[in-house]
Amino acid sequence: MIELLFSQYKDYPDYLIALELIAVVFGIISVLFARKNNILVYPTGLVSTIIYVYILFEFELYGDLIINFYYTLMSILGWYLWSKKKGDQEEFPISTVNRKEFLISTLIFILTLLFVALVYHFFDKFTDWTAYIDTLTTALFFVGMWLMAKRKIENWIIWIVADVISVPLYFYKGLTFSSMQFLLFTIIAILGYLEWKKFLQKQI
């Protein structure tokens, strides 16, 4: 089992393995902070996403590279939005999406699909099934990150779907630690959704 999970690492340089582990640890810490509705989700997440931009470039996962570049920008925006207050109250508390936000989410999803497809086509990388799955998960993650920055509970549903898809994708591409990270992310996302839902029910 150990050989099956980690044999691909024997050909990787040590620094790449170390970087992936650091990115995984900070990614997990970030999601745990998100579950608790803690603003530290953003500075810890930035460490992970910046490292992954480099790693994913090395592994030619351009869709996920774009995701992490976008994550970096959205983390800065989310950090700003989550820190805003009206008096003693948060300006962007946990809430559900309205019709306008649903339409914006749909638009982000469609535009991201088209953009990533163009990137893969431009680099002539539509040569494996992973490219198509990567395009889909990129669009899902774009929507999820935007909804999280707005503190919308639906962000967890998007994360759950995208994380489940990413588990076999990253394992197939030889990033076992990251694959295991996405499995853990799935569990945390389910718990995060339940925790935020409980918070919303208390506000009714």
C-alpha atoms as a PDB file:
ATOM      1  CA  MET A   1       0.000   0.000   0.000  1.00  0.00           C
ATOM      2  CA  ILE A   2       2.823   2.406   0.914  1.00  0.00           C
ATOM      3  CA  GLU A   3       4.554   1.598  -2.378  1.00  0.00           C
ATOM      4  CA  LEU A   4       1.314   2.257  -4.302  1.00  0.00           C
ATOM      5  CA  LEU A   5       0.691   5.605  -2.616  1.00  0.00           C
ATOM      6  CA  PHE A   6       4.189   7.058  -2.544  1.00  0.00           C
ATOM      7  CA  SER A   7       6.305   5.288  -5.193  1.00  0.00           C
ATOM      8  CA  GLN A   8       6.054   8.275  -7.562  1.00  0.00           C
ATOM      9  CA  TYR A   9       7.971  10.438  -5.103  1.00  0.00           C
ATOM     10  CA  LYS A  10      11.218   8.508  -5.635  1.00  0.00           C
ATOM     11  CA  ASP A  11      11.865  10.518  -8.806  1.00  0.00           C
ATOM     12  CA  TYR A  12      10.925  13.925  -7.351  1.00  0.00           C
ATOM     13  CA  PRO A  13      13.542  16.358  -6.041  1.00  0.00           C
ATOM     14  CA  ASP A  14      13.502  16.713  -2.238  1.00  0.00           C
ATOM     15  CA  TYR A  15      12.663  20.410  -2.361  1.00  0.00           C
ATOM     16  CA  LEU A  16       9.443  19.749  -4.304  1.00  0.00           C
ATOM     17  CA  ILE A  17       8.337  17.123  -1.784  1.00  0.00           C
ATOM     18  CA  ALA A  18       9.086  19.533   1.072  1.00  0.00           C
ATOM     19  CA  LEU A  19       7.177  22.347  -0.645  1.00  0.00           C
ATOM     20  CA  GLU A  20       4.153  20.116  -1.230  1.00  0.00           C
ATOM     21  CA  LEU A  21       4.106  19.065   2.425  1.00  0.00           C
ATOM     22  CA  ILE A  22       4.306  22.687   3.603  1.00  0.00           C
ATOM     23  CA  ALA A  23       1.510  23.685   1.218  1.00  0.00           C
ATOM     24  CA  VAL A  24      -0.646  20.763   2.388  1.00  0.00           C
ATOM     25  CA  VAL A  25      -0.172  21.598   6.089  1.00  0.00           C
ATOM     26  CA  PHE A  26      -1.015  25.277   5.623  1.00  0.00           C
ATOM     27  CA  GLY A  27      -3.942  24.363   3.357  1.00  0.00           C
ATOM     28  CA  ILE A  28      -5.426  22.123   6.053  1.00  0.00           C
ATOM     29  CA  ILE A  29      -4.897  24.758   8.742  1.00  0.00           C
ATOM     30  CA  SER A  30      -6.598  27.319   6.499  1.00  0.00           C
ATOM     31  CA  VAL A  31      -9.692  25.162   5.927  1.00  0.00           C
ATOM     32  CA  LEU A  32      -9.949  24.471   9.666  1.00  0.00           C
ATOM     33  CA  PHE A  33      -9.971  28.228  10.284  1.00  0.00           C
ATOM     34  CA  ALA A  34     -12.654  28.606   7.586  1.00  0.00           C
ATOM     35  CA  ARG A  35     -14.821  26.012   9.316  1.00  0.00           C
ATOM     36  CA  LYS A  36     -14.612  28.079  12.508  1.00  0.00           C
ATOM     37  CA  ASN A  37     -15.408  31.298  10.605  1.00  0.00           C
ATOM     38  CA  ASN A  38     -11.988  32.650  11.632  1.00  0.00           C
ATOM     39  CA  ILE A  39     -10.295  35.345   9.528  1.00  0.00           C
ATOM     40  CA  LEU A  40      -6.950  33.514   9.873  1.00  0.00           C
ATOM     41  CA  VAL A  41      -8.222  31.335   7.018  1.00  0.00           C
ATOM     42  CA  TYR A  42      -6.735  33.924   4.671  1.00  0.00           C
ATOM     43  CA  PRO A  43      -3.115  34.485   5.819  1.00  0.00           C
ATOM     44  CA  THR A  44      -2.589  30.742   6.303  1.00  0.00           C
ATOM     45  CA  GLY A  45      -4.250  30.034   2.976  1.00  0.00           C
ATOM     46  CA  LEU A  46      -1.967  32.485   1.201  1.00  0.00           C
ATOM     47  CA  VAL A  47       1.109  30.461   2.197  1.00  0.00           C
ATOM     48  CA  SER A  48      -0.432  27.323   0.673  1.00  0.00           C
ATOM     49  CA  THR A  49      -1.696  28.898  -2.549  1.00  0.00           C
ATOM     50  CA  ILE A  50       1.531  30.714  -3.373  1.00  0.00           C
ATOM     51  CA  ILE A  51       3.516  27.485  -2.997  1.00  0.00           C
ATOM     52  CA  TYR A  52       1.005  25.560  -5.118  1.00  0.00           C
ATOM     53  CA  VAL A  53       1.294  28.082  -7.950  1.00  0.00           C
ATOM     54  CA  TYR A  54       4.901  26.997  -8.321  1.00  0.00           C
ATOM     55  CA  ILE A  55       4.281  23.259  -7.830  1.00  0.00           C
ATOM     56  CA  LEU A  56       1.409  23.125 -10.330  1.00  0.00           C
ATOM     57  CA  PHE A  57       3.480  24.938 -12.932  1.00  0.00           C
ATOM     58  CA  GLU A  58       6.095  22.207 -12.573  1.00  0.00           C
ATOM     59  CA  PHE A  59       3.424  19.488 -13.040  1.00  0.00           C
ATOM     60  CA  GLU A  60       1.679  21.294 -15.934  1.00  0.00           C
ATOM     61  CA  LEU A  61      -1.701  21.424 -14.174  1.00  0.00           C
ATOM     62  CA  TYR A  62      -2.486  24.822 -15.615  1.00  0.00           C
ATOM     63  CA  GLY A  63      -6.124  24.886 -14.526  1.00  0.00           C
ATOM     64  CA  ASP A  64      -5.228  24.332 -10.894  1.00  0.00           C
ATOM     65  CA  LEU A  65      -2.321  26.757 -11.252  1.00  0.00           C
ATOM     66  CA  ILE A  66      -4.834  29.416 -12.311  1.00  0.00           C
ATOM     67  CA  ILE A  67      -7.027  28.397  -9.355  1.00  0.00           C
ATOM     68  CA  ASN A  68      -4.239  29.011  -6.878  1.00  0.00           C
ATOM     69  CA  PHE A  69      -3.262  32.319  -8.458  1.00  0.00           C
ATOM     70  CA  TYR A  70      -6.922  33.309  -8.214  1.00  0.00           C
ATOM     71  CA  TYR A  71      -7.027  31.994  -4.618  1.00  0.00           C
ATOM     72  CA  THR A  72      -4.134  34.280  -3.783  1.00  0.00           C
ATOM     73  CA  LEU A  73      -5.996  37.324  -5.101  1.00  0.00           C
ATOM     74  CA  MET A  74      -9.318  36.276  -3.538  1.00  0.00           C
ATOM     75  CA  SER A  75      -7.630  35.596  -0.208  1.00  0.00           C
ATOM     76  CA  ILE A  76      -6.500  39.206  -0.134  1.00  0.00           C
ATOM     77  CA  LEU A  77     -10.058  40.347  -1.008  1.00  0.00           C
ATOM     78  CA  GLY A  78     -11.631  37.935   1.502  1.00  0.00           C
ATOM     79  CA  TRP A  79      -9.226  39.065   4.221  1.00  0.00           C
ATOM     80  CA  TYR A  80     -10.350  42.643   3.568  1.00  0.00           C
ATOM     81  CA  LEU A  81     -14.092  41.828   3.468  1.00  0.00           C
ATOM     82  CA  TRP A  82     -14.040  39.641   6.568  1.00  0.00           C
ATOM     83  CA  SER A  83     -12.240  42.366   8.513  1.00  0.00           C
ATOM     84  CA  LYS A  84     -14.854  45.044   7.671  1.00  0.00           C
ATOM     85  CA  LYS A  85     -17.269  45.955  10.447  1.00  0.00           C
ATOM     86  CA  LYS A  86     -20.303  48.166  10.926  1.00  0.00           C
ATOM     87  CA  GLY A  87     -19.906  49.259  14.495  1.00  0.00           C
ATOM     88  CA  ASP A  88     -19.354  46.037  16.444  1.00  0.00           C
ATOM     89  CA  GLN A  89     -20.983  43.844  13.790  1.00  0.00           C
ATOM     90  CA  GLU A  90     -19.348  42.109  10.838  1.00  0.00           C
ATOM     91  CA  GLU A  91     -20.294  43.765   7.550  1.00  0.00           C
ATOM     92  CA  PHE A  92     -20.307  40.381   5.802  1.00  0.00           C
ATOM     93  CA  PRO A  93     -21.761  37.785   8.230  1.00  0.00           C
ATOM     94  CA  ILE A  94     -22.576  34.180   7.307  1.00  0.00           C
ATOM     95  CA  SER A  95     -25.604  34.153   4.976  1.00  0.00           C
ATOM     96  CA  THR A  96     -27.161  32.381   1.976  1.00  0.00           C
ATOM     97  CA  VAL A  97     -26.914  33.444  -1.660  1.00  0.00           C
ATOM     98  CA  ASN A  98     -29.616  35.638  -3.155  1.00  0.00           C
ATOM     99  CA  ARG A  99     -30.775  35.574  -6.773  1.00  0.00           C
ATOM    100  CA  LYS A 100     -28.189  38.119  -7.909  1.00  0.00           C
ATOM    101  CA  GLU A 101     -25.327  36.210  -6.255  1.00  0.00           C
ATOM    102  CA  PHE A 102     -26.554  32.945  -7.789  1.00  0.00           C
ATOM    103  CA  LEU A 103     -26.458  34.524 -11.253  1.00  0.00           C
ATOM    104  CA  ILE A 104     -22.974  35.926 -10.594  1.00  0.00           C
ATOM    105  CA  SER A 105     -21.813  32.471  -9.431  1.00  0.00           C
ATOM    106  CA  THR A 106     -23.201  30.891 -12.599  1.00  0.00           C
ATOM    107  CA  LEU A 107     -21.453  33.511 -14.731  1.00  0.00           C
ATOM    108  CA  ILE A 108     -18.138  32.939 -12.921  1.00  0.00           C
ATOM    109  CA  PHE A 109     -18.490  29.185 -13.514  1.00  0.00           C
ATOM    110  CA  ILE A 110     -19.190  29.530 -17.256  1.00  0.00           C
ATOM    111  CA  LEU A 111     -16.508  32.154 -17.899  1.00  0.00           C
ATOM    112  CA  THR A 112     -13.925  30.134 -15.976  1.00  0.00           C
ATOM    113  CA  LEU A 113     -14.733  26.990 -17.966  1.00  0.00           C
ATOM    114  CA  LEU A 114     -14.253  28.883 -21.208  1.00  0.00           C
ATOM    115  CA  PHE A 115     -11.070  30.620 -20.058  1.00  0.00           C
ATOM    116  CA  VAL A 116      -9.344  27.461 -18.779  1.00  0.00           C
ATOM    117  CA  ALA A 117     -10.386  25.553 -21.909  1.00  0.00           C
ATOM    118  CA  LEU A 118      -8.722  28.248 -23.997  1.00  0.00           C
ATOM    119  CA  VAL A 119      -5.564  28.041 -21.877  1.00  0.00           C
ATOM    120  CA  TYR A 120      -5.348  24.268 -22.337  1.00  0.00           C
ATOM    121  CA  HIS A 121      -6.071  24.625 -26.052  1.00  0.00           C
ATOM    122  CA  PHE A 122      -3.424  27.344 -26.432  1.00  0.00           C
ATOM    123  CA  PHE A 123      -0.763  25.157 -24.783  1.00  0.00           C
ATOM    124  CA  ASP A 124      -2.068  22.089 -26.667  1.00  0.00           C
ATOM    125  CA  LYS A 125      -2.605  20.231 -23.381  1.00  0.00           C
ATOM    126  CA  PHE A 126      -5.981  18.585 -24.071  1.00  0.00           C
ATOM    127  CA  THR A 127      -4.143  15.266 -24.391  1.00  0.00           C
ATOM    128  CA  ASP A 128      -5.418  13.471 -21.287  1.00  0.00           C
ATOM    129  CA  TRP A 129      -8.698  13.104 -19.373  1.00  0.00           C
ATOM    130  CA  THR A 130      -7.147  15.024 -16.478  1.00  0.00           C
ATOM    131  CA  ALA A 131      -7.221  18.222 -18.539  1.00  0.00           C
ATOM    132  CA  TYR A 132     -11.013  18.074 -18.835  1.00  0.00           C
ATOM    133  CA  ILE A 133     -11.493  17.278 -15.150  1.00  0.00           C
ATOM    134  CA  ASP A 134      -9.034  20.009 -14.221  1.00  0.00           C
ATOM    135  CA  THR A 135     -11.072  22.492 -16.263  1.00  0.00           C
ATOM    136  CA  LEU A 136     -14.242  21.528 -14.377  1.00  0.00           C
ATOM    137  CA  THR A 137     -12.678  21.681 -10.917  1.00  0.00           C
ATOM    138  CA  THR A 138     -11.110  25.041 -11.722  1.00  0.00           C
ATOM    139  CA  ALA A 139     -14.549  26.506 -12.488  1.00  0.00           C
ATOM    140  CA  LEU A 140     -15.999  24.999  -9.307  1.00  0.00           C
ATOM    141  CA  PHE A 141     -13.151  26.270  -7.150  1.00  0.00           C
ATOM    142  CA  PHE A 142     -13.462  29.770  -8.623  1.00  0.00           C
ATOM    143  CA  VAL A 143     -17.107  29.884  -7.574  1.00  0.00           C
ATOM    144  CA  GLY A 144     -16.357  28.378  -4.165  1.00  0.00           C
ATOM    145  CA  MET A 145     -13.652  30.908  -3.371  1.00  0.00           C
ATOM    146  CA  TRP A 146     -15.833  33.854  -4.397  1.00  0.00           C
ATOM    147  CA  LEU A 147     -18.715  32.592  -2.244  1.00  0.00           C
ATOM    148  CA  MET A 148     -16.369  32.082   0.703  1.00  0.00           C
ATOM    149  CA  ALA A 149     -15.050  35.640   0.405  1.00  0.00           C
ATOM    150  CA  LYS A 150     -18.703  36.766   0.626  1.00  0.00           C
ATOM    151  CA  ARG A 151     -19.278  34.370   3.581  1.00  0.00           C
ATOM    152  CA  LYS A 152     -22.031  32.448   1.784  1.00  0.00           C
ATOM    153  CA  ILE A 153     -22.821  29.010   3.233  1.00  0.00           C
ATOM    154  CA  GLU A 154     -23.165  27.542  -0.264  1.00  0.00           C
ATOM    155  CA  ASN A 155     -19.387  27.804  -0.661  1.00  0.00           C
ATOM    156  CA  TRP A 156     -19.120  24.565   1.341  1.00  0.00           C
ATOM    157  CA  ILE A 157     -21.331  22.657  -1.118  1.00  0.00           C
ATOM    158  CA  ILE A 158     -19.115  23.738  -4.005  1.00  0.00           C
ATOM    159  CA  TRP A 159     -15.966  22.766  -2.069  1.00  0.00           C
ATOM    160  CA  ILE A 160     -17.374  19.319  -1.264  1.00  0.00           C
ATOM    161  CA  VAL A 161     -18.112  18.527  -4.927  1.00  0.00           C
ATOM    162  CA  ALA A 162     -14.778  19.883  -6.196  1.00  0.00           C
ATOM    163  CA  ASP A 163     -12.725  18.235  -3.427  1.00  0.00           C
ATOM    164  CA  VAL A 164     -14.255  14.803  -4.099  1.00  0.00           C
ATOM    165  CA  ILE A 165     -13.349  15.133  -7.790  1.00  0.00           C
ATOM    166  CA  SER A 166      -9.818  16.312  -6.954  1.00  0.00           C
ATOM    167  CA  VAL A 167      -8.903  13.268  -4.830  1.00  0.00           C
ATOM    168  CA  PRO A 168      -8.409  10.847  -7.767  1.00  0.00           C
ATOM    169  CA  LEU A 169      -7.150  13.643 -10.066  1.00  0.00           C
ATOM    170  CA  TYR A 170      -4.186  14.530  -7.849  1.00  0.00           C
ATOM    171  CA  PHE A 171      -3.407  10.884  -7.076  1.00  0.00           C
ATOM    172  CA  TYR A 172      -3.333  10.074 -10.786  1.00  0.00           C
ATOM    173  CA  LYS A 173      -0.997  13.028 -11.422  1.00  0.00           C
ATOM    174  CA  GLY A 174       1.407  11.717  -8.766  1.00  0.00           C
ATOM    175  CA  LEU A 175       0.670  14.206  -5.985  1.00  0.00           C
ATOM    176  CA  THR A 176      -0.340  11.734  -3.293  1.00  0.00           C
ATOM    177  CA  PHE A 177       0.000  14.138  -0.359  1.00  0.00           C
ATOM    178  CA  SER A 178      -2.240  16.628  -2.140  1.00  0.00           C
ATOM    179  CA  SER A 179      -4.739  13.869  -2.963  1.00  0.00           C
ATOM    180  CA  MET A 180      -4.916  12.967   0.730  1.00  0.00           C
ATOM    181  CA  GLN A 181      -5.282  16.661   1.520  1.00  0.00           C
ATOM    182  CA  PHE A 182      -8.361  16.895  -0.712  1.00  0.00           C
ATOM    183  CA  LEU A 183      -9.845  13.850   1.017  1.00  0.00           C
ATOM    184  CA  LEU A 184      -9.396  15.612   4.351  1.00  0.00           C
ATOM    185  CA  PHE A 185     -10.771  18.830   2.810  1.00  0.00           C
ATOM    186  CA  THR A 186     -13.942  16.934   1.857  1.00  0.00           C
ATOM    187  CA  ILE A 187     -14.502  15.864   5.458  1.00  0.00           C
ATOM    188  CA  ILE A 188     -13.768  19.339   6.819  1.00  0.00           C
ATOM    189  CA  ALA A 189     -16.057  20.931   4.209  1.00  0.00           C
ATOM    190  CA  ILE A 190     -18.944  18.700   5.292  1.00  0.00           C
ATOM    191  CA  LEU A 191     -18.316  19.653   8.924  1.00  0.00           C
ATOM    192  CA  GLY A 192     -17.963  23.323   7.923  1.00  0.00           C
ATOM    193  CA  TYR A 193     -21.307  23.279   6.141  1.00  0.00           C
ATOM    194  CA  LEU A 194     -23.033  21.702   9.144  1.00  0.00           C
ATOM    195  CA  GLU A 195     -21.414  24.197  11.523  1.00  0.00           C
ATOM    196  CA  TRP A 196     -22.355  27.249   9.427  1.00  0.00           C
ATOM    197  CA  LYS A 197     -25.887  25.870   8.959  1.00  0.00           C
ATOM    198  CA  LYS A 198     -26.237  25.533  12.730  1.00  0.00           C
ATOM    199  CA  PHE A 199     -25.069  29.155  13.104  1.00  0.00           C
ATOM    200  CA  LEU A 200     -27.660  30.358  10.575  1.00  0.00           C
ATOM    201  CA  GLN A 201     -30.458  28.446  12.299  1.00  0.00           C
ATOM    202  CA  LYS A 202     -29.609  30.213  15.566  1.00  0.00           C
ATOM    203  CA  GLN A 203     -30.060  33.576  13.827  1.00  0.00           C
ATOM    204  CA  ILE A 204     -33.656  32.787  12.786  1.00  0.00           C
END
